[in-house]
PDB file of N, CA and C in Angstrom:
ATOM      1  N   MET A   1      25.918  76.853 -38.999  1.00  0.00           N
ATOM      2  CA  MET A   1      24.038  76.521 -39.414  1.00  0.00           C
ATOM      3  C   MET A   1      24.373  76.637 -41.301  1.00  0.00           C
ATOM      4  N   ILE A   2      23.492  75.955 -41.198  1.00  0.00           N
ATOM      5  CA  ILE A   2      23.119  75.675 -42.892  1.00  0.00           C
ATOM      6  C   ILE A   2      21.933  76.931 -43.299  1.00  0.00           C
ATOM      7  N   ASN A   3      22.444  77.460 -44.204  1.00  0.00           N
ATOM      8  CA  ASN A   3      21.531  78.617 -45.190  1.00  0.00           C
ATOM      9  C   ASN A   3      21.087  78.171 -46.211  1.00  0.00           C
ATOM     10  N   LEU A   4      19.441  77.959 -45.935  1.00  0.00           N
ATOM     11  CA  LEU A   4      19.033  77.307 -46.977  1.00  0.00           C
ATOM     12  C   LEU A   4      18.903  77.810 -48.428  1.00  0.00           C
ATOM     13  N   ASN A   5      19.393  79.013 -48.663  1.00  0.00           N
ATOM     14  CA  ASN A   5      19.448  79.409 -49.951  1.00  0.00           C
ATOM     15  C   ASN A   5      20.659  79.395 -50.653  1.00  0.00           C
ATOM     16  N   ARG A   6      21.667  78.793 -49.759  1.00  0.00           N
ATOM     17  CA  ARG A   6      22.968  78.639 -50.272  1.00  0.00           C
ATOM     18  C   ARG A   6      23.557  77.064 -50.106  1.00  0.00           C
ATOM     19  N   ASP A   7      23.019  76.484 -49.088  1.00  0.00           N
ATOM     20  CA  ASP A   7      23.600  75.077 -48.760  1.00  0.00           C
ATOM     21  C   ASP A   7      22.967  74.291 -49.254  1.00  0.00           C
ATOM     22  N   ILE A   8      21.992  74.402 -49.961  1.00  0.00           N
ATOM     23  CA  ILE A   8      20.926  73.474 -50.444  1.00  0.00           C
ATOM     24  C   ILE A   8      20.900  73.074 -52.047  1.00  0.00           C
ATOM     25  N   GLN A   9      21.682  72.467 -52.468  1.00  0.00           N
ATOM     26  CA  GLN A   9      21.555  72.535 -54.141  1.00  0.00           C
ATOM     27  C   GLN A   9      21.058  71.105 -54.683  1.00  0.00           C
ATOM     28  N   SER A  10      21.079  71.153 -55.909  1.00  0.00           N
ATOM     29  CA  SER A  10      20.998  69.943 -56.787  1.00  0.00           C
ATOM     30  C   SER A  10      22.012  69.352 -56.893  1.00  0.00           C
ATOM     31  N   LEU A  11      22.053  68.169 -56.925  1.00  0.00           N
ATOM     32  CA  LEU A  11      23.087  67.164 -57.459  1.00  0.00           C
ATOM     33  C   LEU A  11      23.875  67.949 -58.900  1.00  0.00           C
ATOM     34  N   SER A  12      22.959  68.334 -59.794  1.00  0.00           N
ATOM     35  CA  SER A  12      23.358  68.564 -61.265  1.00  0.00           C
ATOM     36  C   SER A  12      24.197  70.211 -60.943  1.00  0.00           C
ATOM     37  N   THR A  13      23.798  70.705 -60.266  1.00  0.00           N
ATOM     38  CA  THR A  13      23.988  72.201 -60.031  1.00  0.00           C
ATOM     39  C   THR A  13      25.786  71.722 -59.338  1.00  0.00           C
ATOM     40  N   PHE A  14      25.882  71.120 -58.541  1.00  0.00           N
ATOM     41  CA  PHE A  14      27.211  70.646 -57.695  1.00  0.00           C
ATOM     42  C   PHE A  14      27.897  70.210 -58.868  1.00  0.00           C
ATOM     43  N   LYS A  15      27.232  69.140 -59.496  1.00  0.00           N
ATOM     44  CA  LYS A  15      28.458  68.439 -60.703  1.00  0.00           C
ATOM     45  C   LYS A  15      28.996  69.990 -61.661  1.00  0.00           C
ATOM     46  N   ARG A  16      28.137  70.950 -61.890  1.00  0.00           N
ATOM     47  CA  ARG A  16      28.454  71.710 -62.944  1.00  0.00           C
ATOM     48  C   ARG A  16      29.462  73.003 -62.285  1.00  0.00           C
ATOM     49  N   ASN A  17      29.267  73.092 -60.909  1.00  0.00           N
ATOM     50  CA  ASN A  17      29.938  74.039 -60.291  1.00  0.00           C
ATOM     51  C   ASN A  17      30.637  73.469 -59.225  1.00  0.00           C
ATOM     52  N   THR A  18      31.358  72.448 -59.196  1.00  0.00           N
ATOM     53  CA  THR A  18      31.963  71.721 -58.167  1.00  0.00           C
ATOM     54  C   THR A  18      32.812  72.423 -57.512  1.00  0.00           C
ATOM     55  N   ASN A  19      34.010  73.356 -58.329  1.00  0.00           N
ATOM     56  CA  ASN A  19      34.779  74.030 -57.639  1.00  0.00           C
ATOM     57  C   ASN A  19      34.795  75.143 -57.044  1.00  0.00           C
ATOM     58  N   GLU A  20      33.586  75.794 -57.403  1.00  0.00           N
ATOM     59  CA  GLU A  20      32.928  76.923 -56.754  1.00  0.00           C
ATOM     60  C   GLU A  20      32.199  76.683 -55.520  1.00  0.00           C
ATOM     61  N   MET A  21      31.717  75.252 -55.465  1.00  0.00           N
ATOM     62  CA  MET A  21      30.895  74.671 -54.305  1.00  0.00           C
ATOM     63  C   MET A  21      32.180  74.245 -53.302  1.00  0.00           C
ATOM     64  N   ILE A  22      32.995  73.647 -53.510  1.00  0.00           N
ATOM     65  CA  ILE A  22      34.141  73.220 -52.677  1.00  0.00           C
ATOM     66  C   ILE A  22      34.656  74.648 -51.900  1.00  0.00           C
ATOM     67  N   THR A  23      35.134  75.775 -52.794  1.00  0.00           N
ATOM     68  CA  THR A  23      35.566  76.930 -52.220  1.00  0.00           C
ATOM     69  C   THR A  23      34.611  77.241 -51.264  1.00  0.00           C
ATOM     70  N   GLN A  24      33.245  77.164 -51.558  1.00  0.00           N
ATOM     71  CA  GLN A  24      32.246  77.758 -50.317  1.00  0.00           C
ATOM     72  C   GLN A  24      32.242  76.958 -49.257  1.00  0.00           C
ATOM     73  N   MET A  25      32.537  75.562 -49.447  1.00  0.00           N
ATOM     74  CA  MET A  25      32.641  74.855 -48.055  1.00  0.00           C
ATOM     75  C   MET A  25      33.603  75.053 -47.316  1.00  0.00           C
ATOM     76  N   LYS A  26      34.799  75.303 -47.974  1.00  0.00           N
ATOM     77  CA  LYS A  26      36.016  75.594 -47.101  1.00  0.00           C
ATOM     78  C   LYS A  26      35.861  76.970 -46.664  1.00  0.00           C
ATOM     79  N   GLU A  27      35.184  77.995 -46.839  1.00  0.00           N
ATOM     80  CA  GLU A  27      35.122  79.417 -46.640  1.00  0.00           C
ATOM     81  C   GLU A  27      34.212  79.571 -45.598  1.00  0.00           C
ATOM     82  N   THR A  28      33.036  78.829 -45.778  1.00  0.00           N
ATOM     83  CA  THR A  28      31.923  78.793 -44.641  1.00  0.00           C
ATOM     84  C   THR A  28      31.882  77.709 -43.586  1.00  0.00           C
ATOM     85  N   GLY A  29      32.469  76.850 -43.984  1.00  0.00           N
ATOM     86  CA  GLY A  29      32.583  75.753 -42.953  1.00  0.00           C
ATOM     87  C   GLY A  29      31.153  74.677 -43.178  1.00  0.00           C
ATOM     88  N   ASN A  30      30.449  75.201 -43.972  1.00  0.00           N
ATOM     89  CA  ASN A  30      29.139  74.601 -43.854  1.00  0.00           C
ATOM     90  C   ASN A  30      28.851  73.286 -44.674  1.00  0.00           C
ATOM     91  N   PRO A  31      28.306  72.311 -44.584  1.00  0.00           N
ATOM     92  CA  PRO A  31      28.366  71.153 -45.655  1.00  0.00           C
ATOM     93  C   PRO A  31      26.919  71.732 -46.547  1.00  0.00           C
ATOM     94  N   ILE A  32      27.084  71.159 -47.886  1.00  0.00           N
ATOM     95  CA  ILE A  32      25.862  71.121 -48.673  1.00  0.00           C
ATOM     96  C   ILE A  32      25.170  70.191 -48.999  1.00  0.00           C
ATOM     97  N   VAL A  33      23.843  70.448 -48.720  1.00  0.00           N
ATOM     98  CA  VAL A  33      22.683  69.291 -48.927  1.00  0.00           C
ATOM     99  C   VAL A  33      22.666  69.434 -50.365  1.00  0.00           C
ATOM    100  N   LEU A  34      22.691  68.120 -51.252  1.00  0.00           N
ATOM    101  CA  LEU A  34      22.621  67.808 -52.318  1.00  0.00           C
ATOM    102  C   LEU A  34      21.046  67.255 -52.578  1.00  0.00           C
ATOM    103  N   THR A  35      20.340  67.584 -53.457  1.00  0.00           N
ATOM    104  CA  THR A  35      19.040  67.014 -53.770  1.00  0.00           C
ATOM    105  C   THR A  35      18.830  66.381 -55.317  1.00  0.00           C
ATOM    106  N   VAL A  36      18.242  65.270 -55.227  1.00  0.00           N
ATOM    107  CA  VAL A  36      17.974  64.765 -56.533  1.00  0.00           C
ATOM    108  C   VAL A  36      16.061  64.780 -56.486  1.00  0.00           C
ATOM    109  N   ASN A  37      15.904  65.057 -57.751  1.00  0.00           N
ATOM    110  CA  ASN A  37      14.520  65.211 -57.827  1.00  0.00           C
ATOM    111  C   ASN A  37      13.563  65.955 -56.811  1.00  0.00           C
ATOM    112  N   GLY A  38      14.302  66.917 -56.423  1.00  0.00           N
ATOM    113  CA  GLY A  38      14.026  67.943 -55.251  1.00  0.00           C
ATOM    114  C   GLY A  38      14.076  67.050 -53.720  1.00  0.00           C
ATOM    115  N   LYS A  39      14.256  66.145 -53.557  1.00  0.00           N
ATOM    116  CA  LYS A  39      14.513  65.507 -52.274  1.00  0.00           C
ATOM    117  C   LYS A  39      15.854  65.361 -51.807  1.00  0.00           C
ATOM    118  N   ALA A  40      16.242  65.741 -50.462  1.00  0.00           N
ATOM    119  CA  ALA A  40      17.613  65.537 -49.893  1.00  0.00           C
ATOM    120  C   ALA A  40      18.022  64.240 -50.056  1.00  0.00           C
ATOM    121  N   GLU A  41      19.485  64.087 -50.694  1.00  0.00           N
ATOM    122  CA  GLU A  41      19.869  62.685 -50.781  1.00  0.00           C
ATOM    123  C   GLU A  41      21.252  62.800 -50.273  1.00  0.00           C
ATOM    124  N   LEU A  42      22.351  63.609 -50.545  1.00  0.00           N
ATOM    125  CA  LEU A  42      23.369  63.479 -50.038  1.00  0.00           C
ATOM    126  C   LEU A  42      24.012  64.984 -49.140  1.00  0.00           C
ATOM    127  N   VAL A  43      24.953  64.452 -48.144  1.00  0.00           N
ATOM    128  CA  VAL A  43      25.595  65.727 -47.620  1.00  0.00           C
ATOM    129  C   VAL A  43      27.042  65.573 -47.898  1.00  0.00           C
ATOM    130  N   VAL A  44      27.646  66.850 -48.392  1.00  0.00           N
ATOM    131  CA  VAL A  44      28.981  67.027 -48.939  1.00  0.00           C
ATOM    132  C   VAL A  44      29.382  68.020 -47.797  1.00  0.00           C
ATOM    133  N   GLN A  45      30.891  67.631 -47.564  1.00  0.00           N
ATOM    134  CA  GLN A  45      31.447  68.270 -46.369  1.00  0.00           C
ATOM    135  C   GLN A  45      33.058  68.453 -46.664  1.00  0.00           C
ATOM    136  N   ASP A  46      33.439  69.309 -46.384  1.00  0.00           N
ATOM    137  CA  ASP A  46      34.983  69.661 -46.478  1.00  0.00           C
ATOM    138  C   ASP A  46      35.458  68.665 -45.612  1.00  0.00           C
ATOM    139  N   ALA A  47      37.010  68.221 -45.737  1.00  0.00           N
ATOM    140  CA  ALA A  47      37.672  67.162 -44.743  1.00  0.00           C
ATOM    141  C   ALA A  47      37.802  68.155 -43.734  1.00  0.00           C
ATOM    142  N   VAL A  48      37.853  69.431 -43.530  1.00  0.00           N
ATOM    143  CA  VAL A  48      38.410  69.902 -41.956  1.00  0.00           C
ATOM    144  C   VAL A  48      37.568  70.093 -41.254  1.00  0.00           C
ATOM    145  N   SER A  49      36.215  70.456 -42.139  1.00  0.00           N
ATOM    146  CA  SER A  49      34.635  70.627 -40.889  1.00  0.00           C
ATOM    147  C   SER A  49      34.414  69.044 -40.656  1.00  0.00           C
ATOM    148  N   TYR A  50      34.579  68.292 -41.327  1.00  0.00           N
ATOM    149  CA  TYR A  50      34.312  66.929 -41.003  1.00  0.00           C
ATOM    150  C   TYR A  50      35.009  66.174 -39.853  1.00  0.00           C
ATOM    151  N   GLN A  51      36.478  66.592 -39.664  1.00  0.00           N
ATOM    152  CA  GLN A  51      37.337  66.411 -38.994  1.00  0.00           C
ATOM    153  C   GLN A  51      36.759  67.179 -37.453  1.00  0.00           C
ATOM    154  N   LYS A  52      36.531  68.332 -37.622  1.00  0.00           N
ATOM    155  CA  LYS A  52      35.844  69.059 -36.498  1.00  0.00           C
ATOM    156  C   LYS A  52      34.865  68.539 -36.004  1.00  0.00           C
ATOM    157  N   LEU A  53      33.760  68.017 -36.989  1.00  0.00           N
ATOM    158  CA  LEU A  53      32.709  67.374 -36.192  1.00  0.00           C
ATOM    159  C   LEU A  53      32.625  66.106 -35.411  1.00  0.00           C
ATOM    160  N   LEU A  54      33.914  65.339 -35.967  1.00  0.00           N
ATOM    161  CA  LEU A  54      34.291  63.651 -35.571  1.00  0.00           C
ATOM    162  C   LEU A  54      34.984  64.129 -34.130  1.00  0.00           C
ATOM    163  N   ASP A  55      35.770  65.136 -34.061  1.00  0.00           N
ATOM    164  CA  ASP A  55      36.517  65.262 -32.661  1.00  0.00           C
ATOM    165  C   ASP A  55      35.404  65.846 -31.706  1.00  0.00           C
ATOM    166  N   PHE A  56      34.543  66.775 -32.255  1.00  0.00           N
ATOM    167  CA  PHE A  56      33.473  67.057 -30.955  1.00  0.00           C
ATOM    168  C   PHE A  56      32.510  65.948 -31.144  1.00  0.00           C
ATOM    169  N   ILE A  57      32.320  65.146 -31.495  1.00  0.00           N
ATOM    170  CA  ILE A  57      31.533  63.896 -31.293  1.00  0.00           C
ATOM    171  C   ILE A  57      32.129  63.061 -30.300  1.00  0.00           C
ATOM    172  N   GLU A  58      33.459  62.726 -30.218  1.00  0.00           N
ATOM    173  CA  GLU A  58      34.126  62.215 -29.612  1.00  0.00           C
ATOM    174  C   GLU A  58      34.405  62.879 -28.396  1.00  0.00           C
ATOM    175  N   LYS A  59      34.473  64.131 -28.297  1.00  0.00           N
ATOM    176  CA  LYS A  59      34.611  64.731 -26.687  1.00  0.00           C
ATOM    177  C   LYS A  59      33.345  64.548 -26.287  1.00  0.00           C
ATOM    178  N   LEU A  60      31.932  65.021 -27.029  1.00  0.00           N
ATOM    179  CA  LEU A  60      30.754  64.399 -26.247  1.00  0.00           C
ATOM    180  C   LEU A  60      30.612  62.949 -25.777  1.00  0.00           C
ATOM    181  N   GLU A  61      31.172  61.960 -26.277  1.00  0.00           N
ATOM    182  CA  GLU A  61      30.833  60.651 -25.894  1.00  0.00           C
ATOM    183  C   GLU A  61      31.606  60.586 -24.540  1.00  0.00           C
ATOM    184  N   THR A  62      32.989  61.058 -24.801  1.00  0.00           N
ATOM    185  CA  THR A  62      33.667  61.155 -23.685  1.00  0.00           C
ATOM    186  C   THR A  62      33.273  61.622 -22.276  1.00  0.00           C
ATOM    187  N   ILE A  63      32.691  62.707 -22.740  1.00  0.00           N
ATOM    188  CA  ILE A  63      31.806  63.495 -21.428  1.00  0.00           C
ATOM    189  C   ILE A  63      30.510  62.810 -20.841  1.00  0.00           C
ATOM    190  N   ILE A  64      29.784  62.133 -21.895  1.00  0.00           N
ATOM    191  CA  ILE A  64      28.913  61.270 -21.584  1.00  0.00           C
ATOM    192  C   ILE A  64      29.137  60.320 -20.564  1.00  0.00           C
ATOM    193  N   GLY A  65      30.480  59.286 -21.021  1.00  0.00           N
ATOM    194  CA  GLY A  65      30.974  58.244 -20.305  1.00  0.00           C
ATOM    195  C   GLY A  65      31.017  58.618 -19.155  1.00  0.00           C
ATOM    196  N   ILE A  66      32.312  59.930 -18.736  1.00  0.00           N
ATOM    197  CA  ILE A  66      32.673  60.583 -17.477  1.00  0.00           C
ATOM    198  C   ILE A  66      31.334  60.383 -16.720  1.00  0.00           C
ATOM    199  N   LYS A  67      30.291  61.164 -17.051  1.00  0.00           N
ATOM    200  CA  LYS A  67      28.984  61.495 -16.608  1.00  0.00           C
ATOM    201  C   LYS A  67      28.596  60.398 -15.883  1.00  0.00           C
ATOM    202  N   LYS A  68      28.367  59.426 -16.755  1.00  0.00           N
ATOM    203  CA  LYS A  68      27.703  57.945 -16.318  1.00  0.00           C
ATOM    204  C   LYS A  68      28.467  57.080 -15.368  1.00  0.00           C
ATOM    205  N   GLY A  69      29.664  57.320 -15.574  1.00  0.00           N
ATOM    206  CA  GLY A  69      30.579  56.691 -14.328  1.00  0.00           C
ATOM    207  C   GLY A  69      30.601  57.309 -12.902  1.00  0.00           C
ATOM    208  N   LEU A  70      30.421  58.669 -13.111  1.00  0.00           N
ATOM    209  CA  LEU A  70      30.197  59.504 -11.774  1.00  0.00           C
ATOM    210  C   LEU A  70      29.181  59.340 -11.271  1.00  0.00           C
ATOM    211  N   GLU A  71      27.778  59.142 -12.263  1.00  0.00           N
ATOM    212  CA  GLU A  71      26.292  58.692 -11.802  1.00  0.00           C
ATOM    213  C   GLU A  71      26.549  57.180 -11.038  1.00  0.00           C
ATOM    214  N   ASP A  72      27.194  56.342 -11.762  1.00  0.00           N
ATOM    215  CA  ASP A  72      27.449  54.911 -11.231  1.00  0.00           C
ATOM    216  C   ASP A  72      27.953  55.102  -9.465  1.00  0.00           C
ATOM    217  N   ILE A  73      29.307  55.854  -9.451  1.00  0.00           N
ATOM    218  CA  ILE A  73      29.516  55.785  -8.279  1.00  0.00           C
ATOM    219  C   ILE A  73      29.020  56.491  -7.074  1.00  0.00           C
ATOM    220  N   ALA A  74      28.042  57.495  -7.468  1.00  0.00           N
ATOM    221  CA  ALA A  74      27.357  58.269  -6.546  1.00  0.00           C
ATOM    222  C   ALA A  74      26.138  57.378  -5.799  1.00  0.00           C
ATOM    223  N   ILE A  75      25.813  56.250  -6.753  1.00  0.00           N
ATOM    224  CA  ILE A  75      24.894  55.433  -6.674  1.00  0.00           C
ATOM    225  C   ILE A  75      25.201  54.111  -5.703  1.00  0.00           C
ATOM    226  N   GLY A  76      26.987  53.864  -6.095  1.00  0.00           N
ATOM    227  CA  GLY A  76      27.204  52.515  -5.397  1.00  0.00           C
ATOM    228  C   GLY A  76      27.512  51.613  -6.441  1.00  0.00           C
ATOM    229  N   ASP A  77      27.056  51.836  -7.748  1.00  0.00           N
ATOM    230  CA  ASP A  77      27.081  50.812  -8.921  1.00  0.00           C
ATOM    231  C   ASP A  77      28.452  50.406  -9.215  1.00  0.00           C
ATOM    232  N   THR A  78      29.598  50.139  -8.444  1.00  0.00           N
ATOM    233  CA  THR A  78      30.977  49.984  -8.921  1.00  0.00           C
ATOM    234  C   THR A  78      31.413  48.341  -8.655  1.00  0.00           C
ATOM    235  N   GLN A  79      32.598  48.242  -9.124  1.00  0.00           N
ATOM    236  CA  GLN A  79      33.331  46.800  -8.863  1.00  0.00           C
ATOM    237  C   GLN A  79      34.498  47.010  -8.553  1.00  0.00           C
ATOM    238  N   THR A  80      35.164  45.860  -7.976  1.00  0.00           N
ATOM    239  CA  THR A  80      36.640  45.714  -7.986  1.00  0.00           C
ATOM    240  C   THR A  80      37.563  45.370  -9.088  1.00  0.00           C
ATOM    241  N   LEU A  81      38.665  45.784  -9.219  1.00  0.00           N
ATOM    242  CA  LEU A  81      39.425  45.551 -10.278  1.00  0.00           C
ATOM    243  C   LEU A  81      39.195  44.144 -10.410  1.00  0.00           C
ATOM    244  N   ASN A  82      39.364  42.890  -9.701  1.00  0.00           N
ATOM    245  CA  ASN A  82      39.332  41.651  -9.716  1.00  0.00           C
ATOM    246  C   ASN A  82      38.057  41.144 -10.410  1.00  0.00           C
ATOM    247  N   GLN A  83      36.853  41.921  -9.743  1.00  0.00           N
ATOM    248  CA  GLN A  83      35.816  41.658 -10.833  1.00  0.00           C
ATOM    249  C   GLN A  83      35.405  42.031 -11.957  1.00  0.00           C
ATOM    250  N   PHE A  84      36.274  43.273 -12.257  1.00  0.00           N
ATOM    251  CA  PHE A  84      36.125  43.685 -13.726  1.00  0.00           C
ATOM    252  C   PHE A  84      37.182  42.640 -14.864  1.00  0.00           C
ATOM    253  N   ILE A  85      38.187  42.298 -14.253  1.00  0.00           N
ATOM    254  CA  ILE A  85      38.840  41.521 -14.822  1.00  0.00           C
ATOM    255  C   ILE A  85      38.185  40.179 -15.446  1.00  0.00           C
ATOM    256  N   GLU A  86      37.546  39.709 -14.222  1.00  0.00           N
ATOM    257  CA  GLU A  86      36.820  38.362 -14.126  1.00  0.00           C
ATOM    258  C   GLU A  86      35.681  38.607 -15.581  1.00  0.00           C
ATOM    259  N   GLU A  87      35.005  39.535 -15.273  1.00  0.00           N
ATOM    260  CA  GLU A  87      33.821  39.954 -16.270  1.00  0.00           C
ATOM    261  C   GLU A  87      34.430  39.975 -17.743  1.00  0.00           C
ATOM    262  N   MET A  88      35.487  40.632 -17.938  1.00  0.00           N
ATOM    263  CA  MET A  88      36.262  40.661 -19.080  1.00  0.00           C
ATOM    264  C   MET A  88      36.513  39.283 -19.625  1.00  0.00           C
ATOM    265  N   GLN A  89      37.283  38.486 -18.974  1.00  0.00           N
ATOM    266  CA  GLN A  89      37.489  37.136 -19.229  1.00  0.00           C
ATOM    267  C   GLN A  89      36.492  36.441 -19.918  1.00  0.00           C
ATOM    268  N   HIS A  90      35.417  36.435 -19.146  1.00  0.00           N
ATOM    269  CA  HIS A  90      34.089  35.633 -19.690  1.00  0.00           C
ATOM    270  C   HIS A  90      33.788  36.229 -21.074  1.00  0.00           C
ATOM    271  N   LYS A  91      33.886  37.478 -21.115  1.00  0.00           N
ATOM    272  CA  LYS A  91      33.562  38.216 -22.141  1.00  0.00           C
ATOM    273  C   LYS A  91      34.705  37.561 -23.409  1.00  0.00           C
ATOM    274  N   LYS A  92      35.596  37.322 -23.460  1.00  0.00           N
ATOM    275  CA  LYS A  92      36.320  36.892 -24.017  1.00  0.00           C
ATOM    276  C   LYS A  92      37.760  37.951 -24.017  1.00  0.00           C
ATOM    277  N   TYR A  93      37.584  38.461 -23.331  1.00  0.00           N
ATOM    278  CA  TYR A  93      38.840  39.630 -23.092  1.00  0.00           C
ATOM    279  C   TYR A  93      40.252  39.019 -22.911  1.00  0.00           C
ATOM    280  N   LYS A  94      41.257  39.628 -23.078  1.00  0.00           N
ATOM    281  CA  LYS A  94      42.360  39.025 -22.453  1.00  0.00           C
ATOM    282  C   LYS A  94      43.081  40.255 -21.519  1.00  0.00           C
ATOM    283  N   PHE A  95      42.993  39.687 -20.109  1.00  0.00           N
ATOM    284  CA  PHE A  95      43.763  40.738 -19.406  1.00  0.00           C
ATOM    285  C   PHE A  95      44.475  39.778 -18.556  1.00  0.00           C
ATOM    286  N   LEU A  96      45.548  40.687 -17.903  1.00  0.00           N
ATOM    287  CA  LEU A  96      46.520  40.043 -17.014  1.00  0.00           C
ATOM    288  C   LEU A  96      45.717  40.147 -15.365  1.00  0.00           C
ATOM    289  N   LYS A  97      45.876  38.834 -14.670  1.00  0.00           N
ATOM    290  CA  LYS A  97      45.310  38.841 -13.437  1.00  0.00           C
ATOM    291  C   LYS A  97      46.365  39.945 -12.841  1.00  0.00           C
ATOM    292  N   VAL A  98      45.738  40.418 -11.739  1.00  0.00           N
ATOM    293  CA  VAL A  98      46.291  41.281 -10.839  1.00  0.00           C
ATOM    294  C   VAL A  98      46.556  40.460  -9.487  1.00  0.00           C
TER     295      VAL A  98
END
């Protein structure tokens, strides 16, 4: 969770205190919002926290895809393997014929 007093800084403050800000991000796992002329312009995040965010998003997308697939099965919106292959070939994907 972003701490408004600690995690929102001006770009010039970040430039002056880069090492301290990097340490802070690594310790808290929180990104820092950088402002220019009082407006949020950039978000800076340490690499480990960013990778965790990407992994979390990938898991969510997988769960959404599985849920959609199960809903399709429940309503009978399915196709055979041959129908799928034919559809992909029309879309210029190359699959072996079964």
